[in-house]
């Protein structure tokens, strides 16, 4: 059975950019800031493309929610080897309030529409670190889930997934259709070549709105305040262990 794979790819502020809190302290500055695909989603796209190269998958569909610029993220996925894209149009202002539950509902509806047998997403996005989309998508679809995947192999009608857990590695089997979230060591994403970047410009990107999928973007959370992390105090040098122990006791650390 060749699979149709649906892959979520989120547009986030580039990992190398220094984040600045907005003056109103209700979010971070995004205007004029470099964005790129969420690194964990790059890994998800790479794994889907590898499944296609092994003839396990027949089609890879990349999905991204956001403003017009989200199409750049989809084009990156297409240049890496995805077959087509779906852009769920959400204005930048509404994106500030978009929650993992909203994205999960969108992915679940698309998985049903596209008759996908496998959904792969990054284990978390580097902007909100929610680590919730894969789990909620699986719950909404009533599909098995395999999160934090570091190795993926297909057997007869099943996936054998090695997961990264606190105590080491755990290997599980899940029946298809299923939802998988990619961990850092699942693979190393390829760089898109110039010919593939040019080919990606000709690949189709369907556009739709959340309402077309029956998804309501009403907020369940309210941001009270966003602040910079506290400035780290300068360290001090001590001459010996006894002085170190004394300093720690005086500061209430031990």
Protein backbone atom coordinates (compact mmCIF):
# COMPACT_ATOMS: atom_id res chain seq x y z
CA UNK A 1 0.00 0.00 0.00
CA UNK A 2 1.44 3.35 -1.07
CA UNK A 3 0.65 6.11 1.38
CA UNK A 4 -0.51 9.66 0.90
CA UNK A 5 1.42 11.67 3.48
CA UNK A 6 0.22 14.99 4.88
CA UNK A 7 2.98 17.10 6.43
CA UNK A 8 2.57 20.24 8.52
CA UNK A 9 5.18 22.95 8.02
CA UNK A 10 5.01 26.09 10.13
CA UNK A 11 6.52 29.48 9.29
CA UNK A 12 8.46 30.71 12.33
CA UNK A 13 11.02 33.37 13.16
CA UNK A 14 14.40 32.02 12.05
CA UNK A 15 16.31 30.23 14.81
CA UNK A 16 19.32 32.54 14.35
CA UNK A 17 17.33 35.75 14.93
CA UNK A 18 17.50 37.47 18.32
CA UNK A 19 13.92 37.70 19.58
CA UNK A 20 12.62 41.09 20.72
CA UNK A 21 9.53 41.62 22.86
CA UNK A 22 7.00 44.12 21.52
CA UNK A 23 6.56 47.40 23.44
CA UNK A 24 3.00 46.36 24.46
CA UNK A 25 4.43 43.12 25.94
CA UNK A 26 1.73 41.02 24.27
CA UNK A 27 4.01 39.24 21.79
CA UNK A 28 7.30 39.44 19.94
CA UNK A 29 8.37 41.62 17.03
CA UNK A 30 7.70 39.85 13.72
CA UNK A 31 7.69 42.72 11.20
CA UNK A 32 10.90 42.95 9.18
CA UNK A 33 12.25 39.80 10.83
CA UNK A 34 13.62 36.81 8.91
CA UNK A 35 11.33 33.78 8.95
CA UNK A 36 11.94 30.20 7.87
CA UNK A 37 10.40 26.74 8.19
CA UNK A 38 10.27 25.33 11.69
CA UNK A 39 13.36 23.04 11.94
CA UNK A 40 11.37 20.06 13.28
CA UNK A 41 8.94 20.43 10.36
CA UNK A 42 11.90 20.35 7.95
CA UNK A 43 12.73 16.96 9.44
CA UNK A 44 9.11 15.88 8.93
CA UNK A 45 9.20 16.92 5.25
CA UNK A 46 12.52 15.14 4.75
CA UNK A 47 11.15 11.91 6.24
CA UNK A 48 8.04 12.07 4.05
CA UNK A 49 10.17 12.60 0.94
CA UNK A 50 12.39 9.66 1.90
CA UNK A 51 9.29 7.48 2.23
CA UNK A 52 8.34 8.50 -1.28
CA UNK A 53 11.84 7.73 -2.59
CA UNK A 54 11.49 4.24 -1.06
CA UNK A 55 8.14 3.83 -2.89
CA UNK A 56 6.37 3.59 0.48
CA UNK A 57 4.56 6.89 -0.11
CA UNK A 58 2.87 7.85 -3.37
CA UNK A 59 2.36 11.55 -2.63
CA UNK A 60 3.60 14.14 -0.14
CA UNK A 61 1.32 17.10 0.58
CA UNK A 62 2.75 20.06 2.52
CA UNK A 63 0.36 22.19 4.60
CA UNK A 64 0.99 25.57 6.17
CA UNK A 65 -1.29 28.04 7.96
CA UNK A 66 -0.64 31.76 7.90
CA UNK A 67 -0.51 34.94 5.83
CA UNK A 68 0.64 35.14 2.21
CA UNK A 69 4.28 34.70 3.28
CA UNK A 70 3.47 31.15 4.42
CA UNK A 71 3.58 30.20 0.75
CA UNK A 72 7.37 30.70 0.90
CA UNK A 73 7.50 27.96 3.55
CA UNK A 74 5.40 25.69 1.33
CA UNK A 75 7.69 26.41 -1.63
CA UNK A 76 10.64 25.32 0.49
CA UNK A 77 8.87 22.04 1.20
CA UNK A 78 8.08 21.61 -2.51
CA UNK A 79 11.73 22.26 -3.38
CA UNK A 80 12.74 19.55 -0.90
CA UNK A 81 10.53 17.06 -2.74
CA UNK A 82 6.90 17.49 -1.66
CA UNK A 83 4.43 17.09 -4.56
CA UNK A 84 1.95 19.84 -3.83
CA UNK A 85 0.96 22.30 -1.15
CA UNK A 86 -2.09 23.55 0.71
CA UNK A 87 -2.09 27.08 2.11
CA UNK A 88 -4.69 27.72 4.80
CA UNK A 89 -4.93 31.50 4.69
CA UNK A 90 -4.92 33.19 8.09
CA UNK A 91 -4.10 36.93 8.41
CA UNK A 92 -0.99 37.86 10.40
CA UNK A 93 -3.08 39.47 13.15
CA UNK A 94 -5.11 36.29 13.65
CA UNK A 95 -1.94 34.17 13.60
CA UNK A 96 -0.96 35.76 16.91
CA UNK A 97 -3.92 33.97 18.51
CA UNK A 98 -3.68 30.71 16.56
CA UNK A 99 -3.45 27.76 18.95
CA UNK A 100 -2.29 24.15 18.48
CA UNK A 101 -5.92 23.02 18.81
CA UNK A 102 -6.87 25.15 15.79
CA UNK A 103 -4.02 23.69 13.74
CA UNK A 104 -4.93 20.16 14.84
CA UNK A 105 -8.53 20.66 13.70
CA UNK A 106 -7.30 21.97 10.33
CA UNK A 107 -4.90 19.04 9.85
CA UNK A 108 -7.55 16.51 10.88
CA UNK A 109 -10.06 17.92 8.37
CA UNK A 110 -7.45 17.98 5.62
CA UNK A 111 -6.35 14.42 6.40
CA UNK A 112 -9.96 13.33 5.91
CA UNK A 113 -10.42 15.36 2.72
CA UNK A 114 -7.12 14.23 1.20
CA UNK A 115 -7.64 10.63 2.31
CA UNK A 116 -4.17 10.66 3.86
CA UNK A 117 -2.91 7.52 5.58
CA UNK A 118 -0.09 9.26 7.44
CA UNK A 119 0.29 12.68 9.03
CA UNK A 120 3.79 13.83 9.99
CA UNK A 121 4.54 17.04 11.90
CA UNK A 122 7.49 18.36 13.87
CA UNK A 123 7.34 17.44 17.55
CA UNK A 124 7.14 21.15 18.42
CA UNK A 125 7.54 24.61 16.92
CA UNK A 126 10.49 26.68 18.09
CA UNK A 127 8.33 29.77 18.64
CA UNK A 128 5.72 28.49 21.11
CA UNK A 129 7.23 25.07 22.06
CA UNK A 130 3.73 23.69 22.64
CA UNK A 131 4.45 20.09 21.61
CA UNK A 132 0.72 19.42 21.28
CA UNK A 133 -0.36 19.44 17.62
CA UNK A 134 0.48 15.81 16.78
CA UNK A 135 -1.21 14.47 19.90
CA UNK A 136 -4.41 16.47 19.41
CA UNK A 137 -4.56 15.69 15.68
CA UNK A 138 -4.39 11.97 16.47
CA UNK A 139 -7.12 12.37 19.10
CA UNK A 140 -9.42 14.24 16.70
CA UNK A 141 -8.92 11.60 13.99
CA UNK A 142 -9.00 8.72 16.48
CA UNK A 143 -5.74 7.45 14.95
CA UNK A 144 -2.72 5.90 16.69
CA UNK A 145 0.14 8.29 17.42
CA UNK A 146 3.91 7.89 17.53
CA UNK A 147 5.54 10.99 18.96
CA UNK A 148 9.23 12.01 19.22
CA UNK A 149 10.20 9.64 16.42
CA UNK A 150 13.93 9.11 15.81
CA UNK A 151 13.48 6.16 13.43
CA UNK A 152 10.61 5.16 11.16
CA UNK A 153 10.11 1.87 9.31
CA UNK A 154 7.03 0.51 7.55
CA UNK A 155 5.97 -3.10 7.88
CA UNK A 156 2.75 -4.73 6.63
CA UNK A 157 0.07 -2.15 7.40
CA UNK A 158 2.04 -0.88 10.38
CA UNK A 159 4.80 1.54 11.30
CA UNK A 160 7.62 0.55 13.58
CA UNK A 161 8.74 3.73 15.32
CA UNK A 162 11.68 4.30 17.62
CA UNK A 163 10.83 7.08 20.08
CA UNK A 164 13.13 9.24 22.15
CA UNK A 165 12.00 9.10 25.77
CA UNK A 166 13.54 10.30 29.04
CA UNK A 167 15.00 6.90 29.83
CA UNK A 168 16.49 6.30 26.38
CA UNK A 169 14.73 4.79 23.35
CA UNK A 170 11.38 3.06 23.04
CA UNK A 171 10.26 1.07 19.98
CA UNK A 172 6.55 0.77 19.27
CA UNK A 173 4.31 -0.46 16.45
CA UNK A 174 1.28 1.53 15.32
CA UNK A 175 -1.34 0.58 12.76
CA UNK A 176 -1.99 2.83 9.80
CA UNK A 177 -3.44 5.39 9.38
CA UNK A 178 -1.39 7.17 12.06
CA UNK A 179 0.09 10.47 13.21
CA UNK A 180 3.86 10.82 13.74
CA UNK A 181 5.87 13.68 15.22
CA UNK A 182 9.53 14.00 14.28
CA UNK A 183 12.36 14.39 16.75
CA UNK A 184 15.75 15.93 16.08
CA UNK A 185 17.60 12.68 15.26
CA UNK A 186 15.06 11.26 12.80
CA UNK A 187 17.13 12.52 9.85
CA UNK A 188 19.17 15.40 8.52
CA UNK A 189 17.12 17.50 6.06
CA UNK A 190 18.53 17.99 2.59
CA UNK A 191 19.32 21.34 1.04
CA UNK A 192 17.05 22.25 -1.84
CA UNK A 193 19.00 22.36 -5.09
CA UNK A 194 18.57 25.17 -7.60
CA UNK A 195 16.83 22.94 -10.20
CA UNK A 196 14.38 21.74 -7.53
CA UNK A 197 13.76 25.31 -6.38
CA UNK A 198 12.85 26.20 -9.97
CA UNK A 199 10.61 23.11 -10.28
CA UNK A 200 8.87 24.05 -7.01
CA UNK A 201 7.64 27.28 -8.59
CA UNK A 202 5.51 25.23 -11.00
CA UNK A 203 4.01 22.93 -8.38
CA UNK A 204 0.44 23.61 -7.28
CA UNK A 205 -0.52 25.28 -4.01
CA UNK A 206 -4.23 25.13 -3.19
CA UNK A 207 -5.61 27.99 -1.10
CA UNK A 208 -8.41 27.84 1.42
CA UNK A 209 -9.63 29.41 4.65
CA UNK A 210 -10.27 27.73 8.01
CA UNK A 211 -14.00 28.36 7.51
CA UNK A 212 -13.86 26.23 4.35
CA UNK A 213 -12.91 23.34 6.62
CA UNK A 214 -15.49 24.21 9.26
CA UNK A 215 -12.82 25.32 11.75
CA UNK A 216 -13.57 28.18 14.14
CA UNK A 217 -10.50 30.14 15.28
CA UNK A 218 -12.09 31.43 18.50
CA UNK A 219 -9.40 31.86 21.18
CA UNK A 220 -9.28 29.66 24.26
CA UNK A 221 -6.25 31.42 25.74
CA UNK A 222 -5.38 35.02 26.55
CA UNK A 223 -1.82 36.35 26.61
CA UNK A 224 -1.36 38.44 29.75
CA UNK A 225 2.26 39.45 29.31
CA UNK A 226 5.40 38.49 27.39
CA UNK A 227 8.73 39.41 28.99
CA UNK A 228 12.41 38.87 28.28
CA UNK A 229 14.13 36.17 30.34
CA UNK A 230 15.92 37.60 33.40
CA UNK A 231 19.48 38.77 32.80
CA UNK A 232 21.98 36.28 34.11
CA UNK A 233 24.15 37.61 36.91
CA UNK A 234 27.91 37.53 36.48
CA UNK A 235 29.69 34.59 38.09
CA UNK A 236 32.51 34.77 40.61
CA UNK A 237 35.70 32.77 41.09
CA UNK A 238 36.59 31.17 44.42
CA UNK A 239 39.95 29.98 45.62
CA UNK A 240 39.01 26.60 47.08
CA UNK A 241 36.17 24.18 47.82
CA UNK A 242 35.64 25.45 51.37
CA UNK A 243 35.04 28.98 50.10
CA UNK A 244 32.65 27.60 47.46
CA UNK A 245 30.64 25.71 50.09
CA UNK A 246 30.50 28.80 52.31
CA UNK A 247 29.29 30.97 49.43
CA UNK A 248 26.59 28.43 48.53
CA UNK A 249 25.40 28.23 52.14
CA UNK A 250 25.33 32.02 52.50
CA UNK A 251 23.24 32.33 49.35
CA UNK A 252 20.81 29.64 50.55
CA UNK A 253 21.63 27.24 47.70
CA UNK A 254 22.59 24.40 50.04
